[in-house]
Structure formats: structure tokens, C-alpha cells
N, C-alpha and C. Protein backbone atom coordinates (compact mmCIF):
# COMPACT_ATOMS: atom_id res chain seq x y z
N MET A 1 0.84 -1.18 0.00
CA MET A 1 0.00 0.00 0.00
C MET A 1 0.88 1.24 0.00
N LYS A 2 0.72 2.08 -1.00
CA LYS A 2 1.55 3.26 -1.12
C LYS A 2 1.07 4.33 -0.14
N GLY A 3 2.03 4.97 0.52
CA GLY A 3 1.70 6.03 1.46
C GLY A 3 2.94 6.82 1.83
N ALA A 4 2.76 7.74 2.75
CA ALA A 4 3.86 8.57 3.20
C ALA A 4 4.28 8.14 4.60
N ALA A 5 5.56 8.31 4.86
CA ALA A 5 6.10 7.96 6.17
C ALA A 5 7.13 9.01 6.59
N ILE A 6 7.24 9.20 7.89
CA ILE A 6 8.28 10.07 8.44
C ILE A 6 9.22 9.18 9.25
N ILE A 7 10.51 9.33 8.99
CA ILE A 7 11.53 8.56 9.69
C ILE A 7 12.37 9.52 10.51
N PHE A 8 12.39 9.31 11.81
CA PHE A 8 13.19 10.12 12.72
C PHE A 8 14.44 9.34 13.11
N ARG A 9 15.59 9.84 12.74
CA ARG A 9 16.86 9.20 13.14
C ARG A 9 17.42 10.05 14.26
N ILE A 10 17.31 9.59 15.46
CA ILE A 10 17.71 10.36 16.63
C ILE A 10 19.22 10.28 16.81
N GLY A 11 19.84 11.47 16.91
CA GLY A 11 21.27 11.55 17.17
C GLY A 11 22.15 11.55 15.95
N ALA A 12 21.59 11.31 14.77
CA ALA A 12 22.39 11.29 13.54
C ALA A 12 22.20 12.62 12.80
N PRO A 13 23.26 13.39 12.63
CA PRO A 13 23.10 14.68 11.94
C PRO A 13 22.81 14.53 10.44
N VAL A 14 23.27 13.46 9.84
CA VAL A 14 23.00 13.15 8.44
C VAL A 14 22.90 11.63 8.33
N PRO A 15 22.24 11.14 7.27
CA PRO A 15 22.15 9.68 7.12
C PRO A 15 23.52 9.07 6.82
N ILE A 16 23.75 7.89 7.37
CA ILE A 16 24.98 7.17 7.05
C ILE A 16 24.80 6.51 5.69
N SER A 17 25.88 6.07 5.07
CA SER A 17 25.80 5.52 3.71
C SER A 17 24.85 4.33 3.63
N THR A 18 24.84 3.48 4.65
CA THR A 18 23.94 2.33 4.67
C THR A 18 22.48 2.81 4.65
N GLU A 19 22.22 3.89 5.37
CA GLU A 19 20.86 4.43 5.42
C GLU A 19 20.46 5.03 4.08
N VAL A 20 21.39 5.69 3.41
CA VAL A 20 21.11 6.26 2.10
C VAL A 20 20.71 5.14 1.13
N GLU A 21 21.43 4.05 1.17
CA GLU A 21 21.09 2.90 0.32
C GLU A 21 19.71 2.35 0.67
N LEU A 22 19.43 2.27 1.96
CA LEU A 22 18.13 1.78 2.41
C LEU A 22 17.01 2.71 1.95
N LEU A 23 17.21 4.01 2.10
CA LEU A 23 16.20 4.97 1.66
C LEU A 23 15.93 4.82 0.17
N ARG A 24 16.98 4.66 -0.61
CA ARG A 24 16.80 4.48 -2.06
C ARG A 24 15.96 3.24 -2.35
N ALA A 25 16.13 2.21 -1.54
CA ALA A 25 15.41 0.95 -1.76
C ALA A 25 13.94 1.04 -1.35
N ILE A 26 13.62 1.82 -0.32
CA ILE A 26 12.24 1.84 0.17
C ILE A 26 11.40 2.99 -0.37
N VAL A 27 12.03 4.02 -0.95
CA VAL A 27 11.27 5.13 -1.51
C VAL A 27 10.65 4.68 -2.82
N SER A 28 9.34 4.89 -2.95
CA SER A 28 8.66 4.57 -4.21
C SER A 28 8.09 5.87 -4.76
N GLY A 29 8.59 6.27 -5.87
CA GLY A 29 8.15 7.53 -6.46
C GLY A 29 9.15 8.64 -6.17
N PRO A 30 8.87 9.80 -6.72
CA PRO A 30 9.82 10.91 -6.60
C PRO A 30 9.74 11.66 -5.29
N ALA A 31 8.75 11.37 -4.46
CA ALA A 31 8.53 12.18 -3.27
C ALA A 31 9.39 11.72 -2.10
N ALA A 32 10.40 12.50 -1.78
CA ALA A 32 11.23 12.25 -0.60
C ALA A 32 11.99 13.52 -0.28
N ILE A 33 12.03 13.87 1.00
CA ILE A 33 12.84 15.00 1.45
C ILE A 33 13.51 14.61 2.75
N GLY A 34 14.62 15.25 3.03
CA GLY A 34 15.34 15.00 4.27
C GLY A 34 15.73 16.31 4.90
N LEU A 35 15.85 16.31 6.22
CA LEU A 35 16.15 17.53 6.94
C LEU A 35 16.96 17.23 8.19
N PRO A 36 18.16 17.78 8.29
CA PRO A 36 18.89 17.65 9.55
C PRO A 36 18.30 18.63 10.56
N VAL A 37 18.10 18.19 11.78
CA VAL A 37 17.57 19.04 12.83
C VAL A 37 18.61 19.12 13.94
N SER A 38 19.23 20.28 14.05
CA SER A 38 20.32 20.49 14.99
C SER A 38 19.94 20.04 16.41
N GLY A 39 20.79 19.24 17.01
CA GLY A 39 20.56 18.76 18.36
C GLY A 39 19.59 17.60 18.46
N PHE A 40 18.97 17.20 17.35
CA PHE A 40 18.01 16.10 17.37
C PHE A 40 18.49 14.94 16.54
N GLY A 41 18.73 15.19 15.28
CA GLY A 41 19.10 14.12 14.37
C GLY A 41 18.70 14.45 12.96
N PHE A 42 18.06 13.50 12.29
CA PHE A 42 17.72 13.67 10.88
C PHE A 42 16.30 13.17 10.67
N ILE A 43 15.53 13.92 9.90
CA ILE A 43 14.16 13.52 9.58
C ILE A 43 14.07 13.29 8.08
N SER A 44 13.53 12.13 7.68
CA SER A 44 13.26 11.84 6.28
C SER A 44 11.75 11.70 6.13
N ILE A 45 11.20 12.35 5.13
CA ILE A 45 9.78 12.21 4.82
C ILE A 45 9.73 11.59 3.43
N ILE A 46 9.15 10.40 3.35
CA ILE A 46 9.22 9.63 2.10
C ILE A 46 7.86 9.13 1.65
N GLU A 47 7.78 8.81 0.37
CA GLU A 47 6.65 8.08 -0.19
C GLU A 47 7.14 6.64 -0.33
N THR A 48 6.37 5.69 0.18
CA THR A 48 6.83 4.30 0.19
C THR A 48 5.66 3.33 0.13
N GLU A 49 5.97 2.10 -0.19
CA GLU A 49 4.98 1.03 -0.13
C GLU A 49 5.18 0.17 1.11
N GLN A 50 6.19 0.48 1.90
CA GLN A 50 6.50 -0.29 3.11
C GLN A 50 5.71 0.26 4.31
N SER A 51 5.37 -0.59 5.24
CA SER A 51 4.71 -0.15 6.47
C SER A 51 5.78 0.37 7.44
N PRO A 52 5.38 1.14 8.44
CA PRO A 52 6.36 1.60 9.43
C PRO A 52 7.10 0.44 10.10
N THR A 53 6.39 -0.65 10.36
CA THR A 53 7.03 -1.82 10.99
C THR A 53 8.09 -2.41 10.07
N GLU A 54 7.78 -2.52 8.79
CA GLU A 54 8.75 -3.05 7.82
C GLU A 54 9.96 -2.12 7.70
N ILE A 55 9.71 -0.81 7.66
CA ILE A 55 10.82 0.15 7.56
C ILE A 55 11.71 0.07 8.80
N ALA A 56 11.10 0.01 9.97
CA ALA A 56 11.88 -0.09 11.21
C ALA A 56 12.72 -1.36 11.23
N ARG A 57 12.14 -2.48 10.74
CA ARG A 57 12.89 -3.74 10.69
C ARG A 57 14.07 -3.61 9.73
N LEU A 58 13.84 -2.99 8.56
CA LEU A 58 14.93 -2.80 7.60
C LEU A 58 16.04 -1.91 8.18
N TYR A 59 15.64 -0.88 8.92
CA TYR A 59 16.63 -0.02 9.58
C TYR A 59 17.42 -0.81 10.63
N GLN A 60 16.73 -1.67 11.37
CA GLN A 60 17.42 -2.48 12.38
C GLN A 60 18.44 -3.40 11.72
N GLU A 61 18.05 -4.03 10.61
CA GLU A 61 18.98 -4.91 9.89
C GLU A 61 20.18 -4.10 9.37
N ALA A 62 19.90 -2.91 8.82
CA ALA A 62 20.98 -2.06 8.32
C ALA A 62 21.88 -1.58 9.45
N ALA A 63 21.30 -1.30 10.61
CA ALA A 63 22.07 -0.84 11.77
C ALA A 63 23.03 -1.92 12.24
N VAL A 64 22.56 -3.17 12.25
CA VAL A 64 23.42 -4.28 12.67
C VAL A 64 24.59 -4.41 11.69
N LYS A 65 24.30 -4.36 10.39
CA LYS A 65 25.36 -4.48 9.39
C LYS A 65 26.37 -3.35 9.48
N ALA A 66 25.89 -2.14 9.84
CA ALA A 66 26.77 -0.97 9.89
C ALA A 66 27.32 -0.73 11.29
N ASN A 67 27.00 -1.65 12.24
CA ASN A 67 27.40 -1.47 13.63
C ASN A 67 26.93 -0.10 14.15
N ASP A 68 25.67 0.20 13.87
CA ASP A 68 25.08 1.49 14.19
C ASP A 68 24.09 1.32 15.32
N LYS A 69 24.19 2.13 16.36
CA LYS A 69 23.31 2.00 17.52
C LYS A 69 22.30 3.14 17.64
N ILE A 70 22.23 4.00 16.65
CA ILE A 70 21.35 5.17 16.73
C ILE A 70 19.91 4.73 16.48
N PRO A 71 18.97 5.11 17.37
CA PRO A 71 17.59 4.66 17.23
C PRO A 71 16.86 5.34 16.08
N VAL A 72 15.78 4.69 15.64
CA VAL A 72 14.93 5.20 14.57
C VAL A 72 13.47 5.08 14.99
N ILE A 73 12.69 6.07 14.62
CA ILE A 73 11.24 6.04 14.83
C ILE A 73 10.60 6.24 13.46
N VAL A 74 9.64 5.39 13.10
CA VAL A 74 8.97 5.49 11.81
C VAL A 74 7.47 5.61 12.06
N THR A 75 6.84 6.55 11.38
CA THR A 75 5.40 6.72 11.51
C THR A 75 4.78 6.98 10.15
N GLU A 76 3.53 6.51 9.99
CA GLU A 76 2.80 6.78 8.75
C GLU A 76 2.29 8.22 8.79
N VAL A 77 2.11 8.78 7.60
CA VAL A 77 1.57 10.13 7.49
C VAL A 77 0.27 10.04 6.71
N GLU A 78 -0.82 10.31 7.39
CA GLU A 78 -2.09 10.41 6.67
C GLU A 78 -2.39 11.87 6.42
N ASN A 79 -2.27 12.65 7.44
CA ASN A 79 -2.40 14.09 7.32
C ASN A 79 -1.22 14.69 8.06
N CYS A 80 -0.71 15.77 7.56
CA CYS A 80 0.47 16.35 8.17
C CYS A 80 0.31 17.85 8.29
N ALA A 81 0.62 18.35 9.46
CA ALA A 81 0.67 19.80 9.65
C ALA A 81 1.95 20.08 10.41
N ALA A 82 2.69 21.05 9.97
CA ALA A 82 3.95 21.36 10.62
C ALA A 82 4.30 22.81 10.37
N ASN A 83 5.18 23.31 11.20
CA ASN A 83 5.69 24.65 10.97
C ASN A 83 7.19 24.60 11.16
N PHE A 84 7.92 24.68 10.07
CA PHE A 84 9.36 24.70 10.08
C PHE A 84 9.83 26.06 9.58
N GLY A 85 9.12 27.10 10.01
CA GLY A 85 9.37 28.45 9.52
C GLY A 85 10.79 28.94 9.73
N ASP A 86 11.50 28.40 10.69
CA ASP A 86 12.86 28.83 10.96
C ASP A 86 13.87 28.19 10.03
N ILE A 87 13.44 27.24 9.24
CA ILE A 87 14.36 26.52 8.38
C ILE A 87 14.08 26.91 6.94
N PRO A 88 14.95 27.71 6.32
CA PRO A 88 14.69 28.24 4.98
C PRO A 88 14.35 27.14 3.97
N GLY A 89 13.24 27.34 3.29
CA GLY A 89 12.85 26.44 2.21
C GLY A 89 12.16 25.17 2.64
N PHE A 90 12.11 24.86 3.92
CA PHE A 90 11.56 23.57 4.31
C PHE A 90 10.05 23.50 4.14
N ASN A 91 9.34 24.60 4.48
CA ASN A 91 7.89 24.57 4.32
C ASN A 91 7.51 24.34 2.87
N ALA A 92 8.21 24.97 1.93
CA ALA A 92 7.92 24.78 0.51
C ALA A 92 8.19 23.33 0.11
N ALA A 93 9.28 22.77 0.60
CA ALA A 93 9.61 21.37 0.28
C ALA A 93 8.56 20.43 0.85
N LEU A 94 8.13 20.68 2.09
CA LEU A 94 7.12 19.83 2.71
C LEU A 94 5.79 19.95 1.98
N ALA A 95 5.41 21.16 1.59
CA ALA A 95 4.17 21.35 0.85
C ALA A 95 4.21 20.60 -0.49
N ALA A 96 5.34 20.68 -1.18
CA ALA A 96 5.49 19.97 -2.46
C ALA A 96 5.40 18.47 -2.25
N PHE A 97 6.02 17.98 -1.18
CA PHE A 97 5.96 16.55 -0.87
C PHE A 97 4.52 16.12 -0.60
N MET A 98 3.83 16.88 0.25
CA MET A 98 2.46 16.50 0.61
C MET A 98 1.56 16.53 -0.62
N GLU A 99 1.77 17.48 -1.51
CA GLU A 99 0.99 17.54 -2.75
C GLU A 99 1.30 16.32 -3.62
N ALA A 100 2.56 15.91 -3.66
CA ALA A 100 2.95 14.77 -4.48
C ALA A 100 2.32 13.47 -4.00
N VAL A 101 2.12 13.33 -2.69
CA VAL A 101 1.52 12.10 -2.17
C VAL A 101 0.01 12.23 -1.97
N GLY A 102 -0.53 13.38 -2.36
CA GLY A 102 -1.98 13.54 -2.34
C GLY A 102 -2.57 13.91 -0.99
N ASN A 103 -1.77 14.40 -0.09
CA ASN A 103 -2.28 14.83 1.20
C ASN A 103 -2.29 16.35 1.27
N GLU A 104 -3.15 16.86 2.13
CA GLU A 104 -3.18 18.30 2.32
C GLU A 104 -2.06 18.70 3.27
N TYR A 105 -1.61 19.90 3.08
CA TYR A 105 -0.55 20.42 3.94
C TYR A 105 -1.06 21.68 4.61
N ALA A 106 -1.00 21.73 5.91
CA ALA A 106 -1.41 22.92 6.65
C ALA A 106 -0.20 23.83 6.78
N ALA A 107 -0.20 24.89 6.00
CA ALA A 107 0.91 25.84 6.04
C ALA A 107 0.92 26.55 7.38
N PRO A 108 2.08 27.07 7.75
CA PRO A 108 2.15 27.80 9.02
C PRO A 108 1.20 29.00 9.00
N ALA A 109 0.68 29.29 10.16
CA ALA A 109 -0.21 30.45 10.29
C ALA A 109 0.57 31.72 10.00
N PRO A 110 -0.05 32.66 9.29
CA PRO A 110 0.65 33.92 9.04
C PRO A 110 0.85 34.69 10.34
N GLU A 111 1.85 35.52 10.33
CA GLU A 111 2.10 36.36 11.49
C GLU A 111 0.89 37.25 11.72
N PRO A 112 0.42 37.34 12.97
CA PRO A 112 -0.72 38.21 13.22
C PRO A 112 -0.35 39.67 12.95
N GLU A 113 -1.32 40.39 12.42
CA GLU A 113 -1.07 41.80 12.17
C GLU A 113 -0.95 42.53 13.49
N LYS A 114 0.00 43.42 13.54
CA LYS A 114 0.15 44.23 14.74
C LYS A 114 -0.97 45.25 14.75
N PRO A 115 -1.57 45.45 15.93
CA PRO A 115 -2.62 46.46 15.98
C PRO A 115 -2.04 47.83 15.63
N LYS A 116 -2.80 48.55 14.84
CA LYS A 116 -2.32 49.87 14.43
C LYS A 116 -2.29 50.77 15.65
N GLN A 117 -1.12 51.34 15.87
CA GLN A 117 -0.96 52.23 17.01
C GLN A 117 -1.28 53.66 16.59
N THR A 118 -1.91 54.35 17.48
CA THR A 118 -2.20 55.74 17.21
C THR A 118 -1.50 56.60 18.25
N CYS A 119 -1.24 57.80 17.86
CA CYS A 119 -0.57 58.76 18.75
C CYS A 119 -1.60 59.79 19.18
N GLU A 120 -1.67 60.04 20.45
CA GLU A 120 -2.63 61.00 20.99
C GLU A 120 -1.93 62.22 21.60
N LEU A 121 -0.66 62.41 21.26
CA LEU A 121 0.09 63.53 21.83
C LEU A 121 -0.39 64.87 21.27
N THR A 122 -0.18 65.92 22.05
CA THR A 122 -0.51 67.28 21.61
C THR A 122 0.66 67.84 20.82
N VAL A 123 0.44 68.98 20.16
CA VAL A 123 1.50 69.64 19.41
C VAL A 123 2.67 69.96 20.32
N ASP A 124 2.37 70.48 21.52
CA ASP A 124 3.44 70.82 22.46
C ASP A 124 4.26 69.58 22.85
N GLN A 125 3.58 68.47 23.11
CA GLN A 125 4.28 67.24 23.48
C GLN A 125 5.15 66.75 22.31
N LEU A 126 4.64 66.83 21.10
CA LEU A 126 5.41 66.42 19.93
C LEU A 126 6.62 67.32 19.71
N LEU A 127 6.45 68.62 19.91
CA LEU A 127 7.58 69.54 19.78
C LEU A 127 8.65 69.24 20.84
N ASP A 128 8.21 68.89 22.04
CA ASP A 128 9.17 68.50 23.10
C ASP A 128 9.94 67.24 22.69
N LEU A 129 9.23 66.27 22.07
CA LEU A 129 9.90 65.05 21.61
C LEU A 129 10.93 65.37 20.54
N ILE A 130 10.56 66.23 19.60
CA ILE A 130 11.49 66.63 18.54
C ILE A 130 12.74 67.24 19.14
N ASN A 131 12.55 68.09 20.12
CA ASN A 131 13.68 68.74 20.80
C ASN A 131 14.52 67.71 21.56
N ASP A 132 13.85 66.83 22.32
CA ASP A 132 14.55 65.82 23.13
C ASP A 132 15.33 64.82 22.26
N ARG A 133 14.74 64.43 21.14
CA ARG A 133 15.35 63.40 20.28
C ARG A 133 16.31 63.97 19.24
N GLY A 134 16.27 65.27 19.05
CA GLY A 134 17.22 65.87 18.13
C GLY A 134 16.76 65.99 16.69
N GLY A 135 15.46 66.16 16.47
CA GLY A 135 15.00 66.39 15.11
C GLY A 135 13.69 65.70 14.80
N VAL A 136 13.00 66.21 13.77
CA VAL A 136 11.72 65.65 13.33
C VAL A 136 11.89 64.23 12.81
N ASP A 137 13.04 63.97 12.20
CA ASP A 137 13.29 62.64 11.63
C ASP A 137 13.42 61.55 12.69
N LYS A 138 13.45 61.94 13.96
CA LYS A 138 13.55 60.96 15.05
C LYS A 138 12.19 60.53 15.58
N LEU A 139 11.11 61.12 15.06
CA LEU A 139 9.77 60.73 15.48
C LEU A 139 9.39 59.39 14.85
N THR A 140 8.52 58.65 15.52
CA THR A 140 7.99 57.41 14.95
C THR A 140 7.00 57.76 13.85
N GLU A 141 6.60 56.75 13.07
CA GLU A 141 5.61 56.98 12.01
C GLU A 141 4.31 57.53 12.59
N GLU A 142 3.90 56.98 13.72
CA GLU A 142 2.66 57.42 14.36
C GLU A 142 2.78 58.86 14.83
N GLU A 143 3.92 59.19 15.42
CA GLU A 143 4.12 60.56 15.91
C GLU A 143 4.18 61.55 14.75
N THR A 144 4.82 61.17 13.65
CA THR A 144 4.90 62.02 12.48
C THR A 144 3.50 62.25 11.89
N ALA A 145 2.70 61.17 11.79
CA ALA A 145 1.35 61.28 11.28
C ALA A 145 0.50 62.20 12.17
N ARG A 146 0.69 62.05 13.47
CA ARG A 146 -0.06 62.90 14.41
C ARG A 146 0.35 64.36 14.26
N LEU A 147 1.62 64.64 14.10
CA LEU A 147 2.09 66.00 13.92
C LEU A 147 1.49 66.61 12.64
N LYS A 148 1.49 65.84 11.56
CA LYS A 148 0.89 66.33 10.30
C LYS A 148 -0.60 66.59 10.48
N GLU A 149 -1.26 65.67 11.20
CA GLU A 149 -2.70 65.82 11.45
C GLU A 149 -2.99 67.11 12.22
N LEU A 150 -2.19 67.40 13.20
CA LEU A 150 -2.43 68.58 14.05
C LEU A 150 -2.02 69.90 13.39
N THR A 151 -1.09 69.84 12.46
CA THR A 151 -0.57 71.08 11.88
C THR A 151 -1.17 71.39 10.51
N ASN A 152 -2.04 70.57 9.97
CA ASN A 152 -2.66 70.85 8.67
C ASN A 152 -4.07 71.35 8.84
């Protein structure tokens, strides 16, 4: 049964050569991405016909052959939502992957809009600020807008 899976390699910053060979063998189709996660390990998101149990068994066999003791966690992906906004390009890669395997991707929520700030200072208070800060160009956008509002 074709589906998507996420493989978490804990403690490995990049896949070892044995793992690369294994990934090539279990990936079915063009959909596969990998991501090193600093301080955690490596995450592979793949399209495969193998079950998580089968993938974990194959990793265990590969680990024995490579004398590798780093653990692996494999899970199926039916629906996926994630926010990797701090990692350049990862959200786009994940969205492309999810589209390729026919699943929806919940993009990160947009940054909330900052409430528009208004300035309620008087002309005298604004003139004091200009004097204290050393010029009109030192006023904030809100203060400048308020000064224009009061003087026009």
C-alpha cells in the first residue's frame, strides 16, 4: 500500500551511507525529502509502499550491518501539519511533498497583524519630543502622522 512515512533518526546529523542505500530501496516515487535538525538528528519524509514496521525492521537490519546503535522512529503520514518556519525552504519542500503524495498540507499560520498604534500627543508634546530626540526625523511613524494631522 503506497503512502507517506516520516523517519526520525535520533542523534544522527545526516544519514549514514547504509541508510542512504536503504532509503533508495524503500522510496517509491519521486517524493522524498530529508532535513537535519540540529541537536536532534535527521528527519526523512518519504513516499513508500513499506509499512512503518517493515521500515523499522529494515533499519534495524541495516544498523546491525553498519554497527550502528542510533535509534529510529517510523510513523505513517495520513495528514500532516507542521511549521518549520525557521528553516529556509523547508515549508515549501514539505508542501510539495504533501501535494505529491496527495495529502493536504497545513501551512504555518501567518504572522498576526500588529494592531495599528495611534498617537494621541498634543503639538506641544510632539515639539518637546522633537527637541529631546534631536529632530523631526527621530519621530515614529505614528508621531509624524499625528504632527501632520495637528498642523494641517
